Amino acid sequence: VAAFVGYLLILLGIGIYSSRFSSEGISEFFIGGRKMNRFVIAL
Protein backbone atom coordinates (compact mmCIF):
# COMPACT_ATOMS: atom_id res chain seq x y z
CA VAL A 1 0.00 0.00 0.00
CA ALA A 2 2.83 2.42 0.86
CA ALA A 3 4.48 1.86 -2.54
CA PHE A 4 1.18 2.33 -4.32
CA VAL A 5 0.30 5.50 -2.38
CA GLY A 6 3.71 6.93 -3.27
CA TYR A 7 2.91 6.34 -6.92
CA LEU A 8 -0.44 8.15 -6.59
CA LEU A 9 1.18 11.15 -4.89
CA ILE A 10 3.58 11.50 -7.80
CA LEU A 11 0.63 11.57 -10.22
CA LEU A 12 -1.05 14.28 -8.18
CA GLY A 13 2.19 16.28 -8.13
CA ILE A 14 2.41 16.09 -11.92
CA GLY A 15 -1.16 17.38 -12.22
CA ILE A 16 -0.44 20.36 -9.95
CA TYR A 17 2.84 21.09 -11.77
CA SER A 18 1.08 21.10 -15.16
CA SER A 19 -1.97 23.15 -14.15
CA ARG A 20 -0.54 26.61 -14.83
CA PHE A 21 0.61 25.78 -18.37
CA SER A 22 -2.61 23.98 -19.25
CA SER A 23 -4.74 26.93 -18.10
CA GLU A 24 -3.39 29.22 -20.84
CA GLY A 25 -5.72 28.00 -23.61
CA ILE A 26 -7.45 25.01 -25.17
CA SER A 27 -4.48 24.28 -27.43
CA GLU A 28 -2.36 23.90 -24.28
CA PHE A 29 -5.11 21.97 -22.46
CA PHE A 30 -5.84 19.47 -25.26
CA ILE A 31 -2.53 19.07 -27.18
CA GLY A 32 0.06 20.71 -24.94
CA GLY A 33 0.38 23.75 -27.20
CA ARG A 34 2.20 21.55 -29.73
CA LYS A 35 5.30 21.80 -27.52
CA MET A 36 5.69 18.22 -26.36
CA ASN A 37 9.12 16.60 -26.26
CA ARG A 38 9.87 13.68 -28.62
CA PHE A 39 10.56 11.27 -25.75
CA VAL A 40 7.30 12.16 -23.97
CA ILE A 41 5.36 11.69 -27.23
CA ALA A 42 7.03 8.34 -27.94
CA LEU A 43 6.09 6.86 -24.58
PDB file of all heavy atoms in Angstrom:
ATOM      1  N   VAL A   1       0.835  -1.202   0.000  1.00  0.00           N
ATOM      2  CA  VAL A   1       0.000   0.000   0.000  1.00  0.00           C
ATOM      3  C   VAL A   1       0.866   1.245   0.000  1.00  0.00           C
ATOM      4  O   VAL A   1       0.588   2.221  -0.713  1.00  0.00           O
ATOM      5  CB  VAL A   1      -0.950  -0.003   1.218  1.00  0.00           C
ATOM      6  CG1 VAL A   1      -1.637   1.350   1.355  1.00  0.00           C
ATOM      7  CG2 VAL A   1      -1.990  -1.106   1.078  1.00  0.00           C
ATOM      8  N   ALA A   2       1.942   1.254   0.790  1.00  0.00           N
ATOM      9  CA  ALA A   2       2.830   2.418   0.855  1.00  0.00           C
ATOM     10  C   ALA A   2       3.447   2.707  -0.514  1.00  0.00           C
ATOM     11  O   ALA A   2       3.511   3.864  -0.942  1.00  0.00           O
ATOM     12  CB  ALA A   2       3.924   2.177   1.897  1.00  0.00           C
ATOM     13  N   ALA A   3       3.894   1.668  -1.209  1.00  0.00           N
ATOM     14  CA  ALA A   3       4.480   1.856  -2.543  1.00  0.00           C
ATOM     15  C   ALA A   3       3.448   2.410  -3.516  1.00  0.00           C
ATOM     16  O   ALA A   3       3.733   3.311  -4.314  1.00  0.00           O
ATOM     17  CB  ALA A   3       5.032   0.525  -3.056  1.00  0.00           C
ATOM     18  N   PHE A   4       2.236   1.888  -3.417  1.00  0.00           N
ATOM     19  CA  PHE A   4       1.178   2.333  -4.322  1.00  0.00           C
ATOM     20  C   PHE A   4       0.765   3.777  -4.032  1.00  0.00           C
ATOM     21  O   PHE A   4       0.560   4.574  -4.943  1.00  0.00           O
ATOM     22  CB  PHE A   4      -0.031   1.402  -4.196  1.00  0.00           C
ATOM     23  CG  PHE A   4      -1.146   1.723  -5.151  1.00  0.00           C
ATOM     24  CD1 PHE A   4      -1.022   1.431  -6.490  1.00  0.00           C
ATOM     25  CD2 PHE A   4      -2.307   2.338  -4.707  1.00  0.00           C
ATOM     26  CE1 PHE A   4      -2.039   1.732  -7.383  1.00  0.00           C
ATOM     27  CE2 PHE A   4      -3.326   2.639  -5.581  1.00  0.00           C
ATOM     28  CZ  PHE A   4      -3.191   2.340  -6.923  1.00  0.00           C
ATOM     29  N   VAL A   5       0.658   4.132  -2.750  1.00  0.00           N
ATOM     30  CA  VAL A   5       0.297   5.502  -2.381  1.00  0.00           C
ATOM     31  C   VAL A   5       1.370   6.480  -2.863  1.00  0.00           C
ATOM     32  O   VAL A   5       1.066   7.586  -3.325  1.00  0.00           O
ATOM     33  CB  VAL A   5       0.094   5.618  -0.851  1.00  0.00           C
ATOM     34  CG1 VAL A   5      -0.013   7.081  -0.425  1.00  0.00           C
ATOM     35  CG2 VAL A   5      -1.159   4.861  -0.433  1.00  0.00           C
ATOM     36  N   GLY A   6       2.629   6.088  -2.757  1.00  0.00           N
ATOM     37  CA  GLY A   6       3.709   6.930  -3.269  1.00  0.00           C
ATOM     38  C   GLY A   6       3.548   7.214  -4.748  1.00  0.00           C
ATOM     39  O   GLY A   6       3.751   8.343  -5.214  1.00  0.00           O
ATOM     40  N   TYR A   7       3.162   6.195  -5.478  1.00  0.00           N
ATOM     41  CA  TYR A   7       2.908   6.339  -6.916  1.00  0.00           C
ATOM     42  C   TYR A   7       1.772   7.341  -7.179  1.00  0.00           C
ATOM     43  O   TYR A   7       1.877   8.222  -8.031  1.00  0.00           O
ATOM     44  CB  TYR A   7       2.573   4.958  -7.485  1.00  0.00           C
ATOM     45  CG  TYR A   7       1.757   4.936  -8.742  1.00  0.00           C
ATOM     46  CD1 TYR A   7       2.337   5.191  -9.974  1.00  0.00           C
ATOM     47  CD2 TYR A   7       0.392   4.629  -8.713  1.00  0.00           C
ATOM     48  CE1 TYR A   7       1.586   5.147 -11.140  1.00  0.00           C
ATOM     49  CE2 TYR A   7      -0.365   4.584  -9.861  1.00  0.00           C
ATOM     50  CZ  TYR A   7       0.246   4.848 -11.077  1.00  0.00           C
ATOM     51  OH  TYR A   7      -0.500   4.812 -12.227  1.00  0.00           O
ATOM     52  N   LEU A   8       0.692   7.241  -6.410  1.00  0.00           N
ATOM     53  CA  LEU A   8      -0.442   8.150  -6.590  1.00  0.00           C
ATOM     54  C   LEU A   8      -0.072   9.591  -6.266  1.00  0.00           C
ATOM     55  O   LEU A   8      -0.523  10.529  -6.927  1.00  0.00           O
ATOM     56  CB  LEU A   8      -1.617   7.699  -5.715  1.00  0.00           C
ATOM     57  CG  LEU A   8      -2.243   6.343  -6.040  1.00  0.00           C
ATOM     58  CD1 LEU A   8      -3.399   6.064  -5.094  1.00  0.00           C
ATOM     59  CD2 LEU A   8      -2.716   6.297  -7.487  1.00  0.00           C
ATOM     60  N   LEU A   9       0.755   9.797  -5.256  1.00  0.00           N
ATOM     61  CA  LEU A   9       1.179  11.146  -4.893  1.00  0.00           C
ATOM     62  C   LEU A   9       2.013  11.790  -5.999  1.00  0.00           C
ATOM     63  O   LEU A   9       1.913  12.995  -6.245  1.00  0.00           O
ATOM     64  CB  LEU A   9       1.986  11.103  -3.581  1.00  0.00           C
ATOM     65  CG  LEU A   9       1.178  10.792  -2.316  1.00  0.00           C
ATOM     66  CD1 LEU A   9       2.107  10.654  -1.113  1.00  0.00           C
ATOM     67  CD2 LEU A   9       0.121  11.874  -2.063  1.00  0.00           C
ATOM     68  N   ILE A  10       2.801  10.984  -6.676  1.00  0.00           N
ATOM     69  CA  ILE A  10       3.580  11.502  -7.804  1.00  0.00           C
ATOM     70  C   ILE A  10       2.645  11.960  -8.926  1.00  0.00           C
ATOM     71  O   ILE A  10       2.835  13.018  -9.533  1.00  0.00           O
ATOM     72  CB  ILE A  10       4.570  10.431  -8.312  1.00  0.00           C
ATOM     73  CG1 ILE A  10       5.645  10.168  -7.259  1.00  0.00           C
ATOM     74  CG2 ILE A  10       5.225  10.885  -9.622  1.00  0.00           C
ATOM     75  CD1 ILE A  10       6.572   9.031  -7.593  1.00  0.00           C
ATOM     76  N   LEU A  11       1.602  11.177  -9.199  1.00  0.00           N
ATOM     77  CA  LEU A  11       0.626  11.566 -10.223  1.00  0.00           C
ATOM     78  C   LEU A  11      -0.038  12.894  -9.872  1.00  0.00           C
ATOM     79  O   LEU A  11      -0.204  13.773 -10.728  1.00  0.00           O
ATOM     80  CB  LEU A  11      -0.449  10.491 -10.383  1.00  0.00           C
ATOM     81  CG  LEU A  11      -0.035   9.122 -10.916  1.00  0.00           C
ATOM     82  CD1 LEU A  11      -1.271   8.273 -11.165  1.00  0.00           C
ATOM     83  CD2 LEU A  11       0.782   9.244 -12.182  1.00  0.00           C
ATOM     84  N   LEU A  12      -0.417  13.041  -8.621  1.00  0.00           N
ATOM     85  CA  LEU A  12      -1.047  14.284  -8.175  1.00  0.00           C
ATOM     86  C   LEU A  12      -0.087  15.460  -8.330  1.00  0.00           C
ATOM     87  O   LEU A  12      -0.472  16.549  -8.763  1.00  0.00           O
ATOM     88  CB  LEU A  12      -1.490  14.149  -6.714  1.00  0.00           C
ATOM     89  CG  LEU A  12      -2.177  15.379  -6.087  1.00  0.00           C
ATOM     90  CD1 LEU A  12      -3.444  15.728  -6.867  1.00  0.00           C
ATOM     91  CD2 LEU A  12      -2.501  15.120  -4.626  1.00  0.00           C
ATOM     92  N   GLY A  13       1.183  15.227  -7.981  1.00  0.00           N
ATOM     93  CA  GLY A  13       2.186  16.280  -8.128  1.00  0.00           C
ATOM     94  C   GLY A  13       2.353  16.720  -9.571  1.00  0.00           C
ATOM     95  O   GLY A  13       2.491  17.919  -9.862  1.00  0.00           O
ATOM     96  N   ILE A  14       2.310  15.765 -10.495  1.00  0.00           N
ATOM     97  CA  ILE A  14       2.413  16.094 -11.919  1.00  0.00           C
ATOM     98  C   ILE A  14       1.226  16.940 -12.362  1.00  0.00           C
ATOM     99  O   ILE A  14       1.365  17.901 -13.125  1.00  0.00           O
ATOM    100  CB  ILE A  14       2.517  14.810 -12.767  1.00  0.00           C
ATOM    101  CG1 ILE A  14       3.861  14.117 -12.519  1.00  0.00           C
ATOM    102  CG2 ILE A  14       2.351  15.121 -14.264  1.00  0.00           C
ATOM    103  CD1 ILE A  14       3.986  12.763 -13.171  1.00  0.00           C
ATOM    104  N   GLY A  15       0.034  16.604 -11.876  1.00  0.00           N
ATOM    105  CA  GLY A  15      -1.160  17.380 -12.218  1.00  0.00           C
ATOM    106  C   GLY A  15      -1.057  18.813 -11.744  1.00  0.00           C
ATOM    107  O   GLY A  15      -1.379  19.753 -12.472  1.00  0.00           O
ATOM    108  N   ILE A  16      -0.591  19.010 -10.500  1.00  0.00           N
ATOM    109  CA  ILE A  16      -0.438  20.356  -9.949  1.00  0.00           C
ATOM    110  C   ILE A  16       0.634  21.129 -10.719  1.00  0.00           C
ATOM    111  O   ILE A  16       0.463  22.308 -11.063  1.00  0.00           O
ATOM    112  CB  ILE A  16      -0.082  20.280  -8.450  1.00  0.00           C
ATOM    113  CG1 ILE A  16      -1.253  19.663  -7.671  1.00  0.00           C
ATOM    114  CG2 ILE A  16       0.270  21.652  -7.897  1.00  0.00           C
ATOM    115  CD1 ILE A  16      -0.923  19.344  -6.226  1.00  0.00           C
ATOM    116  N   TYR A  17       1.744  20.462 -11.020  1.00  0.00           N
ATOM    117  CA  TYR A  17       2.836  21.091 -11.767  1.00  0.00           C
ATOM    118  C   TYR A  17       2.380  21.568 -13.143  1.00  0.00           C
ATOM    119  O   TYR A  17       2.781  22.628 -13.622  1.00  0.00           O
ATOM    120  CB  TYR A  17       3.990  20.085 -11.911  1.00  0.00           C
ATOM    121  CG  TYR A  17       5.025  20.468 -12.938  1.00  0.00           C
ATOM    122  CD1 TYR A  17       5.997  21.424 -12.657  1.00  0.00           C
ATOM    123  CD2 TYR A  17       5.021  19.861 -14.205  1.00  0.00           C
ATOM    124  CE1 TYR A  17       6.942  21.769 -13.619  1.00  0.00           C
ATOM    125  CE2 TYR A  17       5.967  20.202 -15.162  1.00  0.00           C
ATOM    126  CZ  TYR A  17       6.930  21.161 -14.865  1.00  0.00           C
ATOM    127  OH  TYR A  17       7.855  21.506 -15.817  1.00  0.00           O
ATOM    128  N   SER A  18       1.507  20.805 -13.787  1.00  0.00           N
ATOM    129  CA  SER A  18       1.082  21.103 -15.158  1.00  0.00           C
ATOM    130  C   SER A  18      -0.069  22.099 -15.230  1.00  0.00           C
ATOM    131  O   SER A  18      -0.368  22.602 -16.322  1.00  0.00           O
ATOM    132  CB  SER A  18       0.639  19.803 -15.853  1.00  0.00           C
ATOM    133  OG  SER A  18       1.625  18.810 -15.755  1.00  0.00           O
ATOM    134  N   SER A  19      -0.708  22.387 -14.125  1.00  0.00           N
ATOM    135  CA  SER A  19      -1.967  23.146 -14.155  1.00  0.00           C
ATOM    136  C   SER A  19      -1.804  24.552 -14.706  1.00  0.00           C
ATOM    137  O   SER A  19      -2.659  25.046 -15.445  1.00  0.00           O
ATOM    138  CB  SER A  19      -2.578  23.197 -12.756  1.00  0.00           C
ATOM    139  OG  SER A  19      -1.704  23.843 -11.853  1.00  0.00           O
ATOM    140  N   ARG A  20      -0.714  25.223 -14.374  1.00  0.00           N
ATOM    141  CA  ARG A  20      -0.535  26.607 -14.833  1.00  0.00           C
ATOM    142  C   ARG A  20      -0.406  26.668 -16.352  1.00  0.00           C
ATOM    143  O   ARG A  20      -1.046  27.486 -17.009  1.00  0.00           O
ATOM    144  CB  ARG A  20       0.698  27.220 -14.169  1.00  0.00           C
ATOM    145  CG  ARG A  20       0.894  28.689 -14.520  1.00  0.00           C
ATOM    146  CD  ARG A  20       2.040  29.292 -13.737  1.00  0.00           C
ATOM    147  NE  ARG A  20       2.236  30.692 -14.082  1.00  0.00           N
ATOM    148  CZ  ARG A  20       3.176  31.468 -13.558  1.00  0.00           C
ATOM    149  NH1 ARG A  20       4.001  30.965 -12.639  1.00  0.00           N
ATOM    150  NH2 ARG A  20       3.284  32.723 -13.939  1.00  0.00           N
ATOM    151  N   PHE A  21       0.431  25.801 -16.915  1.00  0.00           N
ATOM    152  CA  PHE A  21       0.612  25.783 -18.368  1.00  0.00           C
ATOM    153  C   PHE A  21      -0.696  25.440 -19.078  1.00  0.00           C
ATOM    154  O   PHE A  21      -1.071  26.079 -20.059  1.00  0.00           O
ATOM    155  CB  PHE A  21       1.687  24.754 -18.737  1.00  0.00           C
ATOM    156  CG  PHE A  21       1.808  24.512 -20.213  1.00  0.00           C
ATOM    157  CD1 PHE A  21       2.502  25.386 -21.031  1.00  0.00           C
ATOM    158  CD2 PHE A  21       1.214  23.391 -20.803  1.00  0.00           C
ATOM    159  CE1 PHE A  21       2.608  25.166 -22.398  1.00  0.00           C
ATOM    160  CE2 PHE A  21       1.308  23.157 -22.156  1.00  0.00           C
ATOM    161  CZ  PHE A  21       2.022  24.049 -22.965  1.00  0.00           C
ATOM    162  N   SER A  22      -1.408  24.447 -18.579  1.00  0.00           N
ATOM    163  CA  SER A  22      -2.614  23.976 -19.254  1.00  0.00           C
ATOM    164  C   SER A  22      -3.777  24.948 -19.141  1.00  0.00           C
ATOM    165  O   SER A  22      -4.777  24.795 -19.849  1.00  0.00           O
ATOM    166  CB  SER A  22      -3.023  22.611 -18.684  1.00  0.00           C
ATOM    167  OG  SER A  22      -2.032  21.651 -18.948  1.00  0.00           O
ATOM    168  N   SER A  23      -3.667  25.945 -18.268  1.00  0.00           N
ATOM    169  CA  SER A  23      -4.739  26.934 -18.100  1.00  0.00           C
ATOM    170  C   SER A  23      -4.656  28.061 -19.125  1.00  0.00           C
ATOM    171  O   SER A  23      -5.547  28.909 -19.195  1.00  0.00           O
ATOM    172  CB  SER A  23      -4.694  27.524 -16.682  1.00  0.00           C
ATOM    173  OG  SER A  23      -4.921  26.525 -15.711  1.00  0.00           O
ATOM    174  N   GLU A  24      -3.597  28.099 -19.931  1.00  0.00           N
ATOM    175  CA  GLU A  24      -3.386  29.219 -20.845  1.00  0.00           C
ATOM    176  C   GLU A  24      -4.373  29.225 -22.011  1.00  0.00           C
ATOM    177  O   GLU A  24      -4.739  30.283 -22.531  1.00  0.00           O
ATOM    178  CB  GLU A  24      -1.948  29.199 -21.369  1.00  0.00           C
ATOM    179  CG  GLU A  24      -0.915  29.464 -20.273  1.00  0.00           C
ATOM    180  CD  GLU A  24       0.508  29.404 -20.792  1.00  0.00           C
ATOM    181  OE1 GLU A  24       0.689  29.266 -22.026  1.00  0.00           O
ATOM    182  OE2 GLU A  24       1.436  29.482 -19.974  1.00  0.00           O
ATOM    183  N   GLY A  25      -4.793  28.062 -22.479  1.00  0.00           N
ATOM    184  CA  GLY A  25      -5.723  28.000 -23.608  1.00  0.00           C
ATOM    185  C   GLY A  25      -6.061  26.562 -23.960  1.00  0.00           C
ATOM    186  O   GLY A  25      -5.443  25.625 -23.444  1.00  0.00           O
ATOM    187  N   ILE A  26      -7.036  26.381 -24.872  1.00  0.00           N
ATOM    188  CA  ILE A  26      -7.450  25.007 -25.171  1.00  0.00           C
ATOM    189  C   ILE A  26      -6.407  24.250 -25.984  1.00  0.00           C
ATOM    190  O   ILE A  26      -6.345  23.033 -25.937  1.00  0.00           O
ATOM    191  CB  ILE A  26      -8.822  24.956 -25.882  1.00  0.00           C
ATOM    192  CG1 ILE A  26      -8.823  25.777 -27.176  1.00  0.00           C
ATOM    193  CG2 ILE A  26      -9.923  25.410 -24.944  1.00  0.00           C
ATOM    194  CD1 ILE A  26     -10.077  25.576 -27.986  1.00  0.00           C
ATOM    195  N   SER A  27      -5.567  24.971 -26.738  1.00  0.00           N
ATOM    196  CA  SER A  27      -4.483  24.281 -27.430  1.00  0.00           C
ATOM    197  C   SER A  27      -3.530  23.666 -26.406  1.00  0.00           C
ATOM    198  O   SER A  27      -3.091  22.524 -26.558  1.00  0.00           O
ATOM    199  CB  SER A  27      -3.713  25.250 -28.336  1.00  0.00           C
ATOM    200  OG  SER A  27      -2.608  24.599 -28.927  1.00  0.00           O
ATOM    201  N   GLU A  28      -3.220  24.420 -25.350  1.00  0.00           N
ATOM    202  CA  GLU A  28      -2.363  23.904 -24.281  1.00  0.00           C
ATOM    203  C   GLU A  28      -3.066  22.790 -23.514  1.00  0.00           C
ATOM    204  O   GLU A  28      -2.444  21.784 -23.153  1.00  0.00           O
ATOM    205  CB  GLU A  28      -1.987  25.038 -23.321  1.00  0.00           C
ATOM    206  CG  GLU A  28      -0.968  26.030 -23.856  1.00  0.00           C
ATOM    207  CD  GLU A  28      -1.570  27.010 -24.857  1.00  0.00           C
ATOM    208  OE1 GLU A  28      -2.820  27.086 -24.950  1.00  0.00           O
ATOM    209  OE2 GLU A  28      -0.802  27.695 -25.555  1.00  0.00           O
ATOM    210  N   PHE A  29      -4.369  22.952 -23.264  1.00  0.00           N
ATOM    211  CA  PHE A  29      -5.107  21.967 -22.461  1.00  0.00           C
ATOM    212  C   PHE A  29      -5.274  20.642 -23.197  1.00  0.00           C
ATOM    213  O   PHE A  29      -5.169  19.574 -22.593  1.00  0.00           O
ATOM    214  CB  PHE A  29      -6.485  22.523 -22.086  1.00  0.00           C
ATOM    215  CG  PHE A  29      -7.201  21.705 -21.047  1.00  0.00           C
ATOM    216  CD1 PHE A  29      -6.863  21.812 -19.704  1.00  0.00           C
ATOM    217  CD2 PHE A  29      -8.208  20.821 -21.396  1.00  0.00           C
ATOM    218  CE1 PHE A  29      -7.511  21.052 -18.736  1.00  0.00           C
ATOM    219  CE2 PHE A  29      -8.862  20.054 -20.435  1.00  0.00           C
ATOM    220  CZ  PHE A  29      -8.508  20.179 -19.097  1.00  0.00           C
ATOM    221  N   PHE A  30      -5.524  20.692 -24.524  1.00  0.00           N
ATOM    222  CA  PHE A  30      -5.844  19.466 -25.263  1.00  0.00           C
ATOM    223  C   PHE A  30      -4.670  18.845 -26.012  1.00  0.00           C
ATOM    224  O   PHE A  30      -4.635  17.628 -26.196  1.00  0.00           O
ATOM    225  CB  PHE A  30      -6.989  19.717 -26.242  1.00  0.00           C
ATOM    226  CG  PHE A  30      -8.325  19.885 -25.567  1.00  0.00           C
ATOM    227  CD1 PHE A  30      -9.113  20.993 -25.829  1.00  0.00           C
ATOM    228  CD2 PHE A  30      -8.786  18.955 -24.664  1.00  0.00           C
ATOM    229  CE1 PHE A  30     -10.335  21.160 -25.206  1.00  0.00           C
ATOM    230  CE2 PHE A  30     -10.012  19.119 -24.025  1.00  0.00           C
ATOM    231  CZ  PHE A  30     -10.786  20.225 -24.298  1.00  0.00           C
ATOM    232  N   ILE A  31      -3.684  19.664 -26.466  1.00  0.00           N
ATOM    233  CA  ILE A  31      -2.528  19.074 -27.179  1.00  0.00           C
ATOM    234  C   ILE A  31      -1.206  19.670 -26.727  1.00  0.00           C
ATOM    235  O   ILE A  31      -0.214  19.639 -27.457  1.00  0.00           O
ATOM    236  CB  ILE A  31      -2.665  19.193 -28.720  1.00  0.00           C
ATOM    237  CG1 ILE A  31      -2.834  20.656 -29.138  1.00  0.00           C
ATOM    238  CG2 ILE A  31      -3.780  18.328 -29.250  1.00  0.00           C
ATOM    239  CD1 ILE A  31      -2.700  20.858 -30.646  1.00  0.00           C
ATOM    240  N   GLY A  32      -1.197  20.207 -25.506  1.00  0.00           N
ATOM    241  CA  GLY A  32       0.061  20.705 -24.943  1.00  0.00           C
ATOM    242  C   GLY A  32       0.684  21.846 -25.715  1.00  0.00           C
ATOM    243  O   GLY A  32       1.912  22.038 -25.665  1.00  0.00           O
ATOM    244  N   GLY A  33      -0.140  22.617 -26.441  1.00  0.00           N
ATOM    245  CA  GLY A  33       0.383  23.750 -27.201  1.00  0.00           C
ATOM    246  C   GLY A  33       1.326  23.349 -28.319  1.00  0.00           C
ATOM    247  O   GLY A  33       2.109  24.164 -28.822  1.00  0.00           O
ATOM    248  N   ARG A  34       1.283  22.102 -28.730  1.00  0.00           N
ATOM    249  CA  ARG A  34       2.204  21.549 -29.729  1.00  0.00           C
ATOM    250  C   ARG A  34       3.662  21.794 -29.323  1.00  0.00           C
ATOM    251  O   ARG A  34       4.514  22.143 -30.140  1.00  0.00           O
ATOM    252  CB  ARG A  34       1.926  22.145 -31.123  1.00  0.00           C
ATOM    253  CG  ARG A  34       0.983  21.297 -31.943  1.00  0.00           C
ATOM    254  CD  ARG A  34       0.810  21.848 -33.349  1.00  0.00           C
ATOM    255  NE  ARG A  34      -0.260  22.810 -33.397  1.00  0.00           N
ATOM    256  CZ  ARG A  34      -1.535  22.513 -33.617  1.00  0.00           C
ATOM    257  NH1 ARG A  34      -1.872  21.266 -33.814  1.00  0.00           N
ATOM    258  NH2 ARG A  34      -2.450  23.437 -33.649  1.00  0.00           N
ATOM    259  N   LYS A  35       3.944  21.569 -28.049  1.00  0.00           N
ATOM    260  CA  LYS A  35       5.299  21.802 -27.523  1.00  0.00           C
ATOM    261  C   LYS A  35       5.859  20.571 -26.817  1.00  0.00           C
ATOM    262  O   LYS A  35       6.800  20.669 -26.030  1.00  0.00           O
ATOM    263  CB  LYS A  35       5.271  22.976 -26.537  1.00  0.00           C
ATOM    264  CG  LYS A  35       4.864  24.309 -27.162  1.00  0.00           C
ATOM    265  CD  LYS A  35       4.784  25.404 -26.110  1.00  0.00           C
ATOM    266  CE  LYS A  35       4.327  26.725 -26.731  1.00  0.00           C
ATOM    267  NZ  LYS A  35       4.175  27.796 -25.706  1.00  0.00           N
ATOM    268  N   MET A  36       5.297  19.412 -27.105  1.00  0.00           N
ATOM    269  CA  MET A  36       5.686  18.217 -26.362  1.00  0.00           C
ATOM    270  C   MET A  36       6.993  17.618 -26.890  1.00  0.00           C
ATOM    271  O   MET A  36       7.212  17.529 -28.101  1.00  0.00           O
ATOM    272  CB  MET A  36       4.575  17.173 -26.423  1.00  0.00           C
ATOM    273  CG  MET A  36       3.222  17.679 -25.904  1.00  0.00           C
ATOM    274  SD  MET A  36       3.279  18.381 -24.255  1.00  0.00           S
ATOM    275  CE  MET A  36       3.740  16.954 -23.302  1.00  0.00           C
ATOM    276  N   ASN A  37       7.831  17.202 -25.960  1.00  0.00           N
ATOM    277  CA  ASN A  37       9.121  16.601 -26.264  1.00  0.00           C
ATOM    278  C   ASN A  37       8.974  15.255 -26.975  1.00  0.00           C
ATOM    279  O   ASN A  37       8.020  14.518 -26.741  1.00  0.00           O
ATOM    280  CB  ASN A  37       9.880  16.432 -24.939  1.00  0.00           C
ATOM    281  CG  ASN A  37      11.189  15.714 -25.091  1.00  0.00           C
ATOM    282  OD1 ASN A  37      11.244  14.489 -25.063  1.00  0.00           O
ATOM    283  ND2 ASN A  37      12.245  16.479 -25.258  1.00  0.00           N
ATOM    284  N   ARG A  38       9.936  14.914 -27.817  1.00  0.00           N
ATOM    285  CA  ARG A  38       9.872  13.682 -28.622  1.00  0.00           C
ATOM    286  C   ARG A  38       9.835  12.421 -27.760  1.00  0.00           C
ATOM    287  O   ARG A  38       9.193  11.432 -28.104  1.00  0.00           O
ATOM    288  CB  ARG A  38      11.060  13.624 -29.582  1.00  0.00           C
ATOM    289  CG  ARG A  38      12.428  13.621 -28.888  1.00  0.00           C
ATOM    290  CD  ARG A  38      13.565  13.711 -29.893  1.00  0.00           C
ATOM    291  NE  ARG A  38      14.867  13.610 -29.216  1.00  0.00           N
ATOM    292  CZ  ARG A  38      16.029  13.590 -29.859  1.00  0.00           C
ATOM    293  NH1 ARG A  38      16.050  13.670 -31.178  1.00  0.00           N
ATOM    294  NH2 ARG A  38      17.160  13.487 -29.190  1.00  0.00           N
ATOM    295  N   PHE A  39      10.540  12.438 -26.625  1.00  0.00           N
ATOM    296  CA  PHE A  39      10.556  11.272 -25.748  1.00  0.00           C
ATOM    297  C   PHE A  39       9.203  11.092 -25.064  1.00  0.00           C
ATOM    298  O   PHE A  39       8.685   9.973 -24.969  1.00  0.00           O
ATOM    299  CB  PHE A  39      11.654  11.429 -24.696  1.00  0.00           C
ATOM    300  CG  PHE A  39      11.829  10.235 -23.807  1.00  0.00           C
ATOM    301  CD1 PHE A  39      12.441   9.081 -24.278  1.00  0.00           C
ATOM    302  CD2 PHE A  39      11.391  10.254 -22.492  1.00  0.00           C
ATOM    303  CE1 PHE A  39      12.615   7.974 -23.461  1.00  0.00           C
ATOM    304  CE2 PHE A  39      11.552   9.156 -21.664  1.00  0.00           C
ATOM    305  CZ  PHE A  39      12.171   8.013 -22.144  1.00  0.00           C
ATOM    306  N   VAL A  40       8.625  12.202 -24.606  1.00  0.00           N
ATOM    307  CA  VAL A  40       7.302  12.159 -23.971  1.00  0.00           C
ATOM    308  C   VAL A  40       6.268  11.626 -24.961  1.00  0.00           C
ATOM    309  O   VAL A  40       5.439  10.783 -24.623  1.00  0.00           O
ATOM    310  CB  VAL A  40       6.892  13.554 -23.464  1.00  0.00           C
ATOM    311  CG1 VAL A  40       5.462  13.536 -22.936  1.00  0.00           C
ATOM    312  CG2 VAL A  40       7.846  14.024 -22.362  1.00  0.00           C
ATOM    313  N   ILE A  41       6.317  12.130 -26.203  1.00  0.00           N
ATOM    314  CA  ILE A  41       5.363  11.690 -27.226  1.00  0.00           C
ATOM    315  C   ILE A  41       5.535  10.207 -27.535  1.00  0.00           C
ATOM    316  O   ILE A  41       4.554   9.459 -27.681  1.00  0.00           O
ATOM    317  CB  ILE A  41       5.527  12.528 -28.511  1.00  0.00           C
ATOM    318  CG1 ILE A  41       5.034  13.962 -28.278  1.00  0.00           C
ATOM    319  CG2 ILE A  41       4.766  11.892 -29.680  1.00  0.00           C
ATOM    320  CD1 ILE A  41       3.577  14.077 -27.888  1.00  0.00           C
ATOM    321  N   ALA A  42       6.779   9.750 -27.628  1.00  0.00           N
ATOM    322  CA  ALA A  42       7.034   8.339 -27.941  1.00  0.00           C
ATOM    323  C   ALA A  42       6.391   7.427 -26.915  1.00  0.00           C
ATOM    324  O   ALA A  42       5.673   6.482 -27.258  1.00  0.00           O
ATOM    325  CB  ALA A  42       8.540   8.086 -28.003  1.00  0.00           C
ATOM    326  N   LEU A  43       6.623   7.721 -25.636  1.00  0.00           N
ATOM    327  CA  LEU A  43       6.091   6.864 -24.579  1.00  0.00           C
ATOM    328  C   LEU A  43       4.596   7.051 -24.403  1.00  0.00           C
ATOM    329  O   LEU A  43       3.850   6.081 -24.213  1.00  0.00           O
ATOM    330  CB  LEU A  43       6.822   7.140 -23.258  1.00  0.00           C
ATOM    331  CG  LEU A  43       8.041   6.264 -22.983  1.00  0.00           C
ATOM    332  CD1 LEU A  43       9.074   6.391 -24.098  1.00  0.00           C
ATOM    333  CD2 LEU A  43       8.673   6.651 -21.641  1.00  0.00           C
TER     334      LEU A  43
END
